[in-house]
Amino acid sequence: MEKEHPKMLHSHDNVMQRLQARNGLVVFLITDGNQLSPAVLKNFFRANPAGIPLFTTDCMTAAGAPPGRYRLTNTVVEAGLDRIVRKPGETCYVGSSLSHR
């Protein structure tokens, strides 16, 4: 099977639709607004029985910290004003610095 690019998913036959159709699926959703749009989150929440969608985060070392550079093992990461953590000078993110605050 050819690997699907996230921005090029077929609207009806894609990995998300196939997973959602499985019985016994437990859905863990990252609800930071960066991973999934609010509409997608709402659809997953509505399509699953109560208690099945579980919420998680991809926060990391910089969680709750102000914007700036931080060390993550041997890598330097940068938390932006948007609370997204990236490698300095890169656009794709490696996590978030969101907290419960």
PDB file of N, CA and C in Angstrom:
ATOM      1  N   MET A   1       0.845  -1.180   0.000  1.00  0.00           N
ATOM      2  CA  MET A   1       0.000   0.000   0.000  1.00  0.00           C
ATOM      3  C   MET A   1       0.891   1.243   0.000  1.00  0.00           C
ATOM      4  N   GLU A   2       0.560   2.167  -0.844  1.00  0.00           N
ATOM      5  CA  GLU A   2       1.329   3.395  -0.939  1.00  0.00           C
ATOM      6  C   GLU A   2       1.057   4.276   0.275  1.00  0.00           C
ATOM      7  N   LYS A   3       2.090   4.902   0.791  1.00  0.00           N
ATOM      8  CA  LYS A   3       1.951   5.756   1.968  1.00  0.00           C
ATOM      9  C   LYS A   3       1.174   7.022   1.605  1.00  0.00           C
ATOM     10  N   GLU A   4       0.176   7.371   2.424  1.00  0.00           N
ATOM     11  CA  GLU A   4      -0.644   8.540   2.178  1.00  0.00           C
ATOM     12  C   GLU A   4      -0.046   9.761   2.856  1.00  0.00           C
ATOM     13  N   HIS A   5       0.002  10.864   2.149  1.00  0.00           N
ATOM     14  CA  HIS A   5       0.460  12.126   2.704  1.00  0.00           C
ATOM     15  C   HIS A   5      -0.712  12.755   3.457  1.00  0.00           C
ATOM     16  N   PRO A   6      -0.508  13.263   4.682  1.00  0.00           N
ATOM     17  CA  PRO A   6      -1.622  13.787   5.478  1.00  0.00           C
ATOM     18  C   PRO A   6      -2.481  14.824   4.767  1.00  0.00           C
ATOM     19  N   LYS A   7      -1.910  15.642   3.909  1.00  0.00           N
ATOM     20  CA  LYS A   7      -2.680  16.676   3.222  1.00  0.00           C
ATOM     21  C   LYS A   7      -3.361  16.133   1.966  1.00  0.00           C
ATOM     22  N   MET A   8      -3.123  14.861   1.633  1.00  0.00           N
ATOM     23  CA  MET A   8      -3.640  14.293   0.403  1.00  0.00           C
ATOM     24  C   MET A   8      -4.556  13.090   0.658  1.00  0.00           C
ATOM     25  N   LEU A   9      -5.148  12.986   1.824  1.00  0.00           N
ATOM     26  CA  LEU A   9      -6.008  11.847   2.134  1.00  0.00           C
ATOM     27  C   LEU A   9      -7.267  11.870   1.273  1.00  0.00           C
ATOM     28  N   HIS A  10      -7.665  10.698   0.806  1.00  0.00           N
ATOM     29  CA  HIS A  10      -8.931  10.574   0.107  1.00  0.00           C
ATOM     30  C   HIS A  10     -10.031  10.917   1.106  1.00  0.00           C
ATOM     31  N   SER A  11     -11.058  11.591   0.668  1.00  0.00           N
ATOM     32  CA  SER A  11     -12.063  12.069   1.610  1.00  0.00           C
ATOM     33  C   SER A  11     -12.876  10.964   2.286  1.00  0.00           C
ATOM     34  N   HIS A  12     -13.002   9.780   1.660  1.00  0.00           N
ATOM     35  CA  HIS A  12     -13.803   8.725   2.280  1.00  0.00           C
ATOM     36  C   HIS A  12     -13.022   7.459   2.584  1.00  0.00           C
ATOM     37  N   ASP A  13     -12.025   7.139   1.791  1.00  0.00           N
ATOM     38  CA  ASP A  13     -11.235   5.919   2.003  1.00  0.00           C
ATOM     39  C   ASP A  13      -9.842   6.319   2.470  1.00  0.00           C
ATOM     40  N   ASN A  14      -9.716   6.507   3.777  1.00  0.00           N
ATOM     41  CA  ASN A  14      -8.417   6.882   4.330  1.00  0.00           C
ATOM     42  C   ASN A  14      -8.251   6.206   5.685  1.00  0.00           C
ATOM     43  N   VAL A  15      -7.063   6.283   6.219  1.00  0.00           N
ATOM     44  CA  VAL A  15      -6.751   5.584   7.464  1.00  0.00           C
ATOM     45  C   VAL A  15      -7.639   6.048   8.622  1.00  0.00           C
ATOM     46  N   MET A  16      -7.993   7.316   8.665  1.00  0.00           N
ATOM     47  CA  MET A  16      -8.837   7.805   9.757  1.00  0.00           C
ATOM     48  C   MET A  16     -10.238   7.195   9.678  1.00  0.00           C
ATOM     49  N   GLN A  17     -10.789   7.114   8.486  1.00  0.00           N
ATOM     50  CA  GLN A  17     -12.120   6.518   8.329  1.00  0.00           C
ATOM     51  C   GLN A  17     -12.092   5.027   8.655  1.00  0.00           C
ATOM     52  N   ARG A  18     -11.055   4.326   8.215  1.00  0.00           N
ATOM     53  CA  ARG A  18     -10.953   2.888   8.489  1.00  0.00           C
ATOM     54  C   ARG A  18     -10.805   2.625   9.988  1.00  0.00           C
ATOM     55  N   LEU A  19     -10.009   3.417  10.666  1.00  0.00           N
ATOM     56  CA  LEU A  19      -9.859   3.241  12.114  1.00  0.00           C
ATOM     57  C   LEU A  19     -11.151   3.544  12.850  1.00  0.00           C
ATOM     58  N   GLN A  20     -11.816   4.605  12.458  1.00  0.00           N
ATOM     59  CA  GLN A  20     -13.057   5.000  13.121  1.00  0.00           C
ATOM     60  C   GLN A  20     -14.125   3.917  12.984  1.00  0.00           C
ATOM     61  N   ALA A  21     -14.082   3.131  11.921  1.00  0.00           N
ATOM     62  CA  ALA A  21     -15.074   2.084  11.679  1.00  0.00           C
ATOM     63  C   ALA A  21     -14.824   0.817  12.501  1.00  0.00           C
ATOM     64  N   ARG A  22     -13.681   0.698  13.150  1.00  0.00           N
ATOM     65  CA  ARG A  22     -13.355  -0.514  13.917  1.00  0.00           C
ATOM     66  C   ARG A  22     -14.095  -0.550  15.246  1.00  0.00           C
ATOM     67  N   ASN A  23     -14.541  -1.735  15.623  1.00  0.00           N
ATOM     68  CA  ASN A  23     -15.140  -1.925  16.941  1.00  0.00           C
ATOM     69  C   ASN A  23     -14.034  -1.973  17.994  1.00  0.00           C
ATOM     70  N   GLY A  24     -14.307  -1.449  19.163  1.00  0.00           N
ATOM     71  CA  GLY A  24     -13.359  -1.520  20.255  1.00  0.00           C
ATOM     72  C   GLY A  24     -12.227  -0.510  20.177  1.00  0.00           C
ATOM     73  N   LEU A  25     -12.316   0.408  19.262  1.00  0.00           N
ATOM     74  CA  LEU A  25     -11.269   1.415  19.121  1.00  0.00           C
ATOM     75  C   LEU A  25     -11.339   2.407  20.270  1.00  0.00           C
ATOM     76  N   VAL A  26     -10.219   2.666  20.901  1.00  0.00           N
ATOM     77  CA  VAL A  26     -10.132   3.716  21.905  1.00  0.00           C
ATOM     78  C   VAL A  26      -9.366   4.858  21.257  1.00  0.00           C
ATOM     79  N   VAL A  27      -9.967   6.012  21.223  1.00  0.00           N
ATOM     80  CA  VAL A  27      -9.407   7.164  20.523  1.00  0.00           C
ATOM     81  C   VAL A  27      -8.726   8.080  21.536  1.00  0.00           C
ATOM     82  N   PHE A  28      -7.437   8.344  21.333  1.00  0.00           N
ATOM     83  CA  PHE A  28      -6.702   9.327  22.136  1.00  0.00           C
ATOM     84  C   PHE A  28      -6.527  10.554  21.263  1.00  0.00           C
ATOM     85  N   LEU A  29      -7.045  11.677  21.685  1.00  0.00           N
ATOM     86  CA  LEU A  29      -7.027  12.890  20.887  1.00  0.00           C
ATOM     87  C   LEU A  29      -6.155  13.956  21.540  1.00  0.00           C
ATOM     88  N   ILE A  30      -5.290  14.548  20.746  1.00  0.00           N
ATOM     89  CA  ILE A  30      -4.506  15.692  21.210  1.00  0.00           C
ATOM     90  C   ILE A  30      -5.346  16.924  20.883  1.00  0.00           C
ATOM     91  N   THR A  31      -5.809  17.591  21.906  1.00  0.00           N
ATOM     92  CA  THR A  31      -6.808  18.651  21.751  1.00  0.00           C
ATOM     93  C   THR A  31      -6.221  20.057  21.840  1.00  0.00           C
ATOM     94  N   ASP A  32      -5.012  20.230  21.335  1.00  0.00           N
ATOM     95  CA  ASP A  32      -4.371  21.543  21.425  1.00  0.00           C
ATOM     96  C   ASP A  32      -4.733  22.481  20.284  1.00  0.00           C
ATOM     97  N   GLY A  33      -5.526  22.015  19.314  1.00  0.00           N
ATOM     98  CA  GLY A  33      -5.888  22.854  18.185  1.00  0.00           C
ATOM     99  C   GLY A  33      -4.844  22.872  17.085  1.00  0.00           C
ATOM    100  N   ASN A  34      -3.700  22.258  17.301  1.00  0.00           N
ATOM    101  CA  ASN A  34      -2.653  22.193  16.289  1.00  0.00           C
ATOM    102  C   ASN A  34      -2.664  20.858  15.557  1.00  0.00           C
ATOM    103  N   GLN A  35      -2.961  19.791  16.275  1.00  0.00           N
ATOM    104  CA  GLN A  35      -2.959  18.451  15.681  1.00  0.00           C
ATOM    105  C   GLN A  35      -4.216  18.228  14.847  1.00  0.00           C
ATOM    106  N   LEU A  36      -5.356  18.534  15.412  1.00  0.00           N
ATOM    107  CA  LEU A  36      -6.651  18.308  14.777  1.00  0.00           C
ATOM    108  C   LEU A  36      -7.491  19.573  14.905  1.00  0.00           C
ATOM    109  N   SER A  37      -8.250  19.867  13.880  1.00  0.00           N
ATOM    110  CA  SER A  37      -9.109  21.058  13.928  1.00  0.00           C
ATOM    111  C   SER A  37     -10.258  20.836  14.901  1.00  0.00           C
ATOM    112  N   PRO A  38     -10.868  21.901  15.394  1.00  0.00           N
ATOM    113  CA  PRO A  38     -12.018  21.742  16.291  1.00  0.00           C
ATOM    114  C   PRO A  38     -13.144  20.905  15.662  1.00  0.00           C
ATOM    115  N   ALA A  39     -13.370  21.019  14.359  1.00  0.00           N
ATOM    116  CA  ALA A  39     -14.420  20.244  13.693  1.00  0.00           C
ATOM    117  C   ALA A  39     -14.104  18.751  13.725  1.00  0.00           C
ATOM    118  N   VAL A  40     -12.856  18.381  13.500  1.00  0.00           N
ATOM    119  CA  VAL A  40     -12.460  16.968  13.544  1.00  0.00           C
ATOM    120  C   VAL A  40     -12.612  16.429  14.958  1.00  0.00           C
ATOM    121  N   LEU A  41     -12.196  17.196  15.951  1.00  0.00           N
ATOM    122  CA  LEU A  41     -12.357  16.772  17.340  1.00  0.00           C
ATOM    123  C   LEU A  41     -13.833  16.551  17.672  1.00  0.00           C
ATOM    124  N   LYS A  42     -14.679  17.463  17.242  1.00  0.00           N
ATOM    125  CA  LYS A  42     -16.112  17.339  17.497  1.00  0.00           C
ATOM    126  C   LYS A  42     -16.665  16.073  16.834  1.00  0.00           C
ATOM    127  N   ASN A  43     -16.239  15.787  15.604  1.00  0.00           N
ATOM    128  CA  ASN A  43     -16.704  14.581  14.912  1.00  0.00           C
ATOM    129  C   ASN A  43     -16.293  13.315  15.646  1.00  0.00           C
ATOM    130  N   PHE A  44     -15.028  13.230  16.089  1.00  0.00           N
ATOM    131  CA  PHE A  44     -14.578  12.053  16.835  1.00  0.00           C
ATOM    132  C   PHE A  44     -15.359  11.914  18.137  1.00  0.00           C
ATOM    133  N   PHE A  45     -15.593  13.029  18.807  1.00  0.00           N
ATOM    134  CA  PHE A  45     -16.307  12.991  20.076  1.00  0.00           C
ATOM    135  C   PHE A  45     -17.735  12.504  19.873  1.00  0.00           C
ATOM    136  N   ARG A  46     -18.400  13.010  18.855  1.00  0.00           N
ATOM    137  CA  ARG A  46     -19.790  12.628  18.583  1.00  0.00           C
ATOM    138  C   ARG A  46     -19.907  11.190  18.080  1.00  0.00           C
ATOM    139  N   ALA A  47     -18.912  10.709  17.352  1.00  0.00           N
ATOM    140  CA  ALA A  47     -18.987   9.383  16.723  1.00  0.00           C
ATOM    141  C   ALA A  47     -18.655   8.245  17.677  1.00  0.00           C
ATOM    142  N   ASN A  48     -18.175   8.546  18.849  1.00  0.00           N
ATOM    143  CA  ASN A  48     -17.782   7.508  19.802  1.00  0.00           C
ATOM    144  C   ASN A  48     -18.673   7.532  21.027  1.00  0.00           C
ATOM    145  N   PRO A  49     -18.890   6.360  21.630  1.00  0.00           N
ATOM    146  CA  PRO A  49     -19.689   6.324  22.865  1.00  0.00           C
ATOM    147  C   PRO A  49     -19.008   7.135  23.975  1.00  0.00           C
ATOM    148  N   ALA A  50     -19.804   7.582  24.918  1.00  0.00           N
ATOM    149  CA  ALA A  50     -19.272   8.348  26.054  1.00  0.00           C
ATOM    150  C   ALA A  50     -18.146   7.572  26.728  1.00  0.00           C
ATOM    151  N   GLY A  51     -17.063   8.246  27.042  1.00  0.00           N
ATOM    152  CA  GLY A  51     -15.944   7.628  27.732  1.00  0.00           C
ATOM    153  C   GLY A  51     -14.905   7.006  26.810  1.00  0.00           C
ATOM    154  N   ILE A  52     -15.214   6.895  25.517  1.00  0.00           N
ATOM    155  CA  ILE A  52     -14.251   6.294  24.585  1.00  0.00           C
ATOM    156  C   ILE A  52     -13.203   7.302  24.117  1.00  0.00           C
ATOM    157  N   PRO A  53     -13.580   8.502  23.666  1.00  0.00           N
ATOM    158  CA  PRO A  53     -12.512   9.437  23.294  1.00  0.00           C
ATOM    159  C   PRO A  53     -11.778   9.875  24.558  1.00  0.00           C
ATOM    160  N   LEU A  54     -10.493   9.679  24.584  1.00  0.00           N
ATOM    161  CA  LEU A  54      -9.658  10.117  25.698  1.00  0.00           C
ATOM    162  C   LEU A  54      -8.784  11.259  25.215  1.00  0.00           C
ATOM    163  N   PHE A  55      -8.528  12.200  26.080  1.00  0.00           N
ATOM    164  CA  PHE A  55      -7.780  13.381  25.694  1.00  0.00           C
ATOM    165  C   PHE A  55      -6.374  13.321  26.272  1.00  0.00           C
ATOM    166  N   THR A  56      -5.426  13.709  25.460  1.00  0.00           N
ATOM    167  CA  THR A  56      -4.031  13.676  25.868  1.00  0.00           C
ATOM    168  C   THR A  56      -3.343  14.922  25.346  1.00  0.00           C
ATOM    169  N   THR A  57      -2.061  15.001  25.531  1.00  0.00           N
ATOM    170  CA  THR A  57      -1.279  16.137  25.067  1.00  0.00           C
ATOM    171  C   THR A  57       0.072  15.649  24.575  1.00  0.00           C
ATOM    172  N   ASP A  58       0.726  16.476  23.830  1.00  0.00           N
ATOM    173  CA  ASP A  58       2.103  16.183  23.430  1.00  0.00           C
ATOM    174  C   ASP A  58       3.044  17.223  24.038  1.00  0.00           C
ATOM    175  N   CYS A  59       2.647  17.756  25.221  1.00  0.00           N
ATOM    176  CA  CYS A  59       3.504  18.741  25.868  1.00  0.00           C
ATOM    177  C   CYS A  59       4.821  18.082  26.280  1.00  0.00           C
ATOM    178  N   MET A  60       5.815  18.888  26.419  1.00  0.00           N
ATOM    179  CA  MET A  60       7.151  18.372  26.693  1.00  0.00           C
ATOM    180  C   MET A  60       7.865  19.233  27.717  1.00  0.00           C
ATOM    181  N   THR A  61       9.164  19.171  27.724  1.00  0.00           N
ATOM    182  CA  THR A  61       9.993  19.856  28.712  1.00  0.00           C
ATOM    183  C   THR A  61       9.585  21.308  28.934  1.00  0.00           C
ATOM    184  N   ALA A  62       9.173  21.988  27.880  1.00  0.00           N
ATOM    185  CA  ALA A  62       8.833  23.406  27.985  1.00  0.00           C
ATOM    186  C   ALA A  62       7.398  23.654  28.440  1.00  0.00           C
ATOM    187  N   ALA A  63       6.685  22.642  28.885  1.00  0.00           N
ATOM    188  CA  ALA A  63       5.280  22.809  29.289  1.00  0.00           C
ATOM    189  C   ALA A  63       5.142  23.886  30.354  1.00  0.00           C
ATOM    190  N   GLY A  64       4.304  24.857  30.078  1.00  0.00           N
ATOM    191  CA  GLY A  64       4.047  25.935  31.024  1.00  0.00           C
ATOM    192  C   GLY A  64       5.123  27.004  31.064  1.00  0.00           C
ATOM    193  N   ALA A  65       6.197  26.812  30.324  1.00  0.00           N
ATOM    194  CA  ALA A  65       7.303  27.775  30.330  1.00  0.00           C
ATOM    195  C   ALA A  65       7.038  28.892  29.322  1.00  0.00           C
ATOM    196  N   PRO A  66       7.634  30.038  29.523  1.00  0.00           N
ATOM    197  CA  PRO A  66       7.472  31.129  28.559  1.00  0.00           C
ATOM    198  C   PRO A  66       8.198  30.799  27.255  1.00  0.00           C
ATOM    199  N   PRO A  67       7.878  31.535  26.190  1.00  0.00           N
ATOM    200  CA  PRO A  67       8.595  31.319  24.933  1.00  0.00           C
ATOM    201  C   PRO A  67      10.101  31.415  25.131  1.00  0.00           C
ATOM    202  N   GLY A  68      10.838  30.571  24.440  1.00  0.00           N
ATOM    203  CA  GLY A  68      12.292  30.565  24.549  1.00  0.00           C
ATOM    204  C   GLY A  68      12.855  29.230  24.118  1.00  0.00           C
ATOM    205  N   ARG A  69      14.158  29.081  24.272  1.00  0.00           N
ATOM    206  CA  ARG A  69      14.847  27.847  23.896  1.00  0.00           C
ATOM    207  C   ARG A  69      15.075  26.971  25.114  1.00  0.00           C
ATOM    208  N   TYR A  70      14.898  25.659  24.896  1.00  0.00           N
ATOM    209  CA  TYR A  70      15.039  24.681  25.961  1.00  0.00           C
ATOM    210  C   TYR A  70      15.776  23.462  25.439  1.00  0.00           C
ATOM    211  N   ARG A  71      16.393  22.739  26.351  1.00  0.00           N
ATOM    212  CA  ARG A  71      17.112  21.518  25.973  1.00  0.00           C
ATOM    213  C   ARG A  71      16.216  20.315  26.210  1.00  0.00           C
ATOM    214  N   LEU A  72      16.129  19.471  25.188  1.00  0.00           N
ATOM    215  CA  LEU A  72      15.397  18.213  25.255  1.00  0.00           C
ATOM    216  C   LEU A  72      16.422  17.137  24.929  1.00  0.00           C
ATOM    217  N   THR A  73      16.940  16.492  25.950  1.00  0.00           N
ATOM    218  CA  THR A  73      18.099  15.582  25.859  1.00  0.00           C
ATOM    219  C   THR A  73      19.228  16.299  25.121  1.00  0.00           C
ATOM    220  N   ASN A  74      19.612  15.827  23.938  1.00  0.00           N
ATOM    221  CA  ASN A  74      20.722  16.455  23.206  1.00  0.00           C
ATOM    222  C   ASN A  74      20.256  17.439  22.143  1.00  0.00           C
ATOM    223  N   THR A  75      18.996  17.800  22.163  1.00  0.00           N
ATOM    224  CA  THR A  75      18.425  18.671  21.138  1.00  0.00           C
ATOM    225  C   THR A  75      17.944  19.963  21.768  1.00  0.00           C
ATOM    226  N   VAL A  76      18.172  21.066  21.081  1.00  0.00           N
ATOM    227  CA  VAL A  76      17.634  22.353  21.509  1.00  0.00           C
ATOM    228  C   VAL A  76      16.308  22.550  20.784  1.00  0.00           C
ATOM    229  N   VAL A  77      15.270  22.911  21.532  1.00  0.00           N
ATOM    230  CA  VAL A  77      13.962  23.188  20.962  1.00  0.00           C
ATOM    231  C   VAL A  77      13.559  24.608  21.343  1.00  0.00           C
ATOM    232  N   GLU A  78      12.613  25.143  20.606  1.00  0.00           N
ATOM    233  CA  GLU A  78      12.183  26.515  20.852  1.00  0.00           C
ATOM    234  C   GLU A  78      10.667  26.569  20.997  1.00  0.00           C
ATOM    235  N   ALA A  79      10.190  27.075  22.136  1.00  0.00           N
ATOM    236  CA  ALA A  79       8.763  27.277  22.369  1.00  0.00           C
ATOM    237  C   ALA A  79       8.404  28.662  21.860  1.00  0.00           C
ATOM    238  N   GLY A  80       7.401  28.722  20.986  1.00  0.00           N
ATOM    239  CA  GLY A  80       6.989  30.000  20.411  1.00  0.00           C
ATOM    240  C   GLY A  80       5.841  30.629  21.173  1.00  0.00           C
ATOM    241  N   LEU A  81       5.472  31.826  20.758  1.00  0.00           N
ATOM    242  CA  LEU A  81       4.324  32.505  21.356  1.00  0.00           C
ATOM    243  C   LEU A  81       3.038  31.720  21.143  1.00  0.00           C
ATOM    244  N   ASP A  82       2.989  30.907  20.075  1.00  0.00           N
ATOM    245  CA  ASP A  82       1.808  30.086  19.778  1.00  0.00           C
ATOM    246  C   ASP A  82       1.773  28.809  20.608  1.00  0.00           C
ATOM    247  N   ARG A  83       2.731  28.618  21.524  1.00  0.00           N
ATOM    248  CA  ARG A  83       2.851  27.461  22.430  1.00  0.00           C
ATOM    249  C   ARG A  83       3.249  26.186  21.694  1.00  0.00           C
ATOM    250  N   ILE A  84       3.688  26.321  20.430  1.00  0.00           N
ATOM    251  CA  ILE A  84       4.176  25.178  19.665  1.00  0.00           C
ATOM    252  C   ILE A  84       5.689  25.108  19.838  1.00  0.00           C
ATOM    253  N   VAL A  85       6.209  23.903  20.064  1.00  0.00           N
ATOM    254  CA  VAL A  85       7.643  23.699  20.227  1.00  0.00           C
ATOM    255  C   VAL A  85       8.192  23.145  18.912  1.00  0.00           C
ATOM    256  N   ARG A  86       9.222  23.808  18.407  1.00  0.00           N
ATOM    257  CA  ARG A  86       9.855  23.424  17.148  1.00  0.00           C
ATOM    258  C   ARG A  86      11.367  23.392  17.346  1.00  0.00           C
ATOM    259  N   LYS A  87      12.059  22.776  16.407  1.00  0.00           N
ATOM    260  CA  LYS A  87      13.507  22.941  16.376  1.00  0.00           C
ATOM    261  C   LYS A  87      13.749  24.355  15.866  1.00  0.00           C
ATOM    262  N   PRO A  88      14.705  25.097  16.421  1.00  0.00           N
ATOM    263  CA  PRO A  88      14.939  26.476  16.000  1.00  0.00           C
ATOM    264  C   PRO A  88      15.124  26.583  14.477  1.00  0.00           C
ATOM    265  N   GLY A  89      14.381  27.526  13.883  1.00  0.00           N
ATOM    266  CA  GLY A  89      14.492  27.776  12.460  1.00  0.00           C
ATOM    267  C   GLY A  89      13.686  26.837  11.574  1.00  0.00           C
ATOM    268  N   GLU A  90      12.948  25.886  12.170  1.00  0.00           N
ATOM    269  CA  GLU A  90      12.148  24.951  11.380  1.00  0.00           C
ATOM    270  C   GLU A  90      10.667  25.233  11.584  1.00  0.00           C
ATOM    271  N   THR A  91       9.850  24.787  10.637  1.00  0.00           N
ATOM    272  CA  THR A  91       8.417  25.062  10.722  1.00  0.00           C
ATOM    273  C   THR A  91       7.615  23.914  11.321  1.00  0.00           C
ATOM    274  N   CYS A  92       8.044  22.659  11.125  1.00  0.00           N
ATOM    275  CA  CYS A  92       7.257  21.563  11.690  1.00  0.00           C
ATOM    276  C   CYS A  92       7.509  21.494  13.199  1.00  0.00           C
ATOM    277  N   TYR A  93       6.489  21.091  13.917  1.00  0.00           N
ATOM    278  CA  TYR A  93       6.614  21.111  15.378  1.00  0.00           C
ATOM    279  C   TYR A  93       6.964  19.755  15.940  1.00  0.00           C
ATOM    280  N   VAL A  94       7.535  19.788  17.139  1.00  0.00           N
ATOM    281  CA  VAL A  94       7.941  18.571  17.824  1.00  0.00           C
ATOM    282  C   VAL A  94       7.117  18.327  19.092  1.00  0.00           C
ATOM    283  N   GLY A  95       6.234  19.246  19.417  1.00  0.00           N
ATOM    284  CA  GLY A  95       5.399  19.116  20.602  1.00  0.00           C
ATOM    285  C   GLY A  95       4.794  20.454  20.964  1.00  0.00           C
ATOM    286  N   SER A  96       4.275  20.533  22.170  1.00  0.00           N
ATOM    287  CA  SER A  96       3.687  21.800  22.611  1.00  0.00           C
ATOM    288  C   SER A  96       4.213  22.170  23.992  1.00  0.00           C
ATOM    289  N   SER A  97       3.995  23.427  24.339  1.00  0.00           N
ATOM    290  CA  SER A  97       4.368  23.893  25.684  1.00  0.00           C
ATOM    291  C   SER A  97       3.099  24.277  26.459  1.00  0.00           C
ATOM    292  N   LEU A  98       1.969  23.743  26.014  1.00  0.00           N
ATOM    293  CA  LEU A  98       0.707  24.016  26.707  1.00  0.00           C
ATOM    294  C   LEU A  98       0.715  23.412  28.104  1.00  0.00           C
ATOM    295  N   SER A  99      -0.023  24.009  28.987  1.00  0.00           N
ATOM    296  CA  SER A  99      -0.203  23.457  30.332  1.00  0.00           C
ATOM    297  C   SER A  99      -1.648  23.691  30.736  1.00  0.00           C
ATOM    298  N   HIS A 100      -2.007  23.260  31.905  1.00  0.00           N
ATOM    299  CA  HIS A 100      -3.367  23.455  32.389  1.00  0.00           C
ATOM    300  C   HIS A 100      -3.625  24.872  32.850  1.00  0.00           C
ATOM    301  N   ARG A 101      -2.602  25.705  32.878  1.00  0.00           N
ATOM    302  CA  ARG A 101      -2.766  27.098  33.340  1.00  0.00           C
ATOM    303  C   ARG A 101      -3.529  27.927  32.365  1.00  0.00           C
TER     304      ARG A 101
END
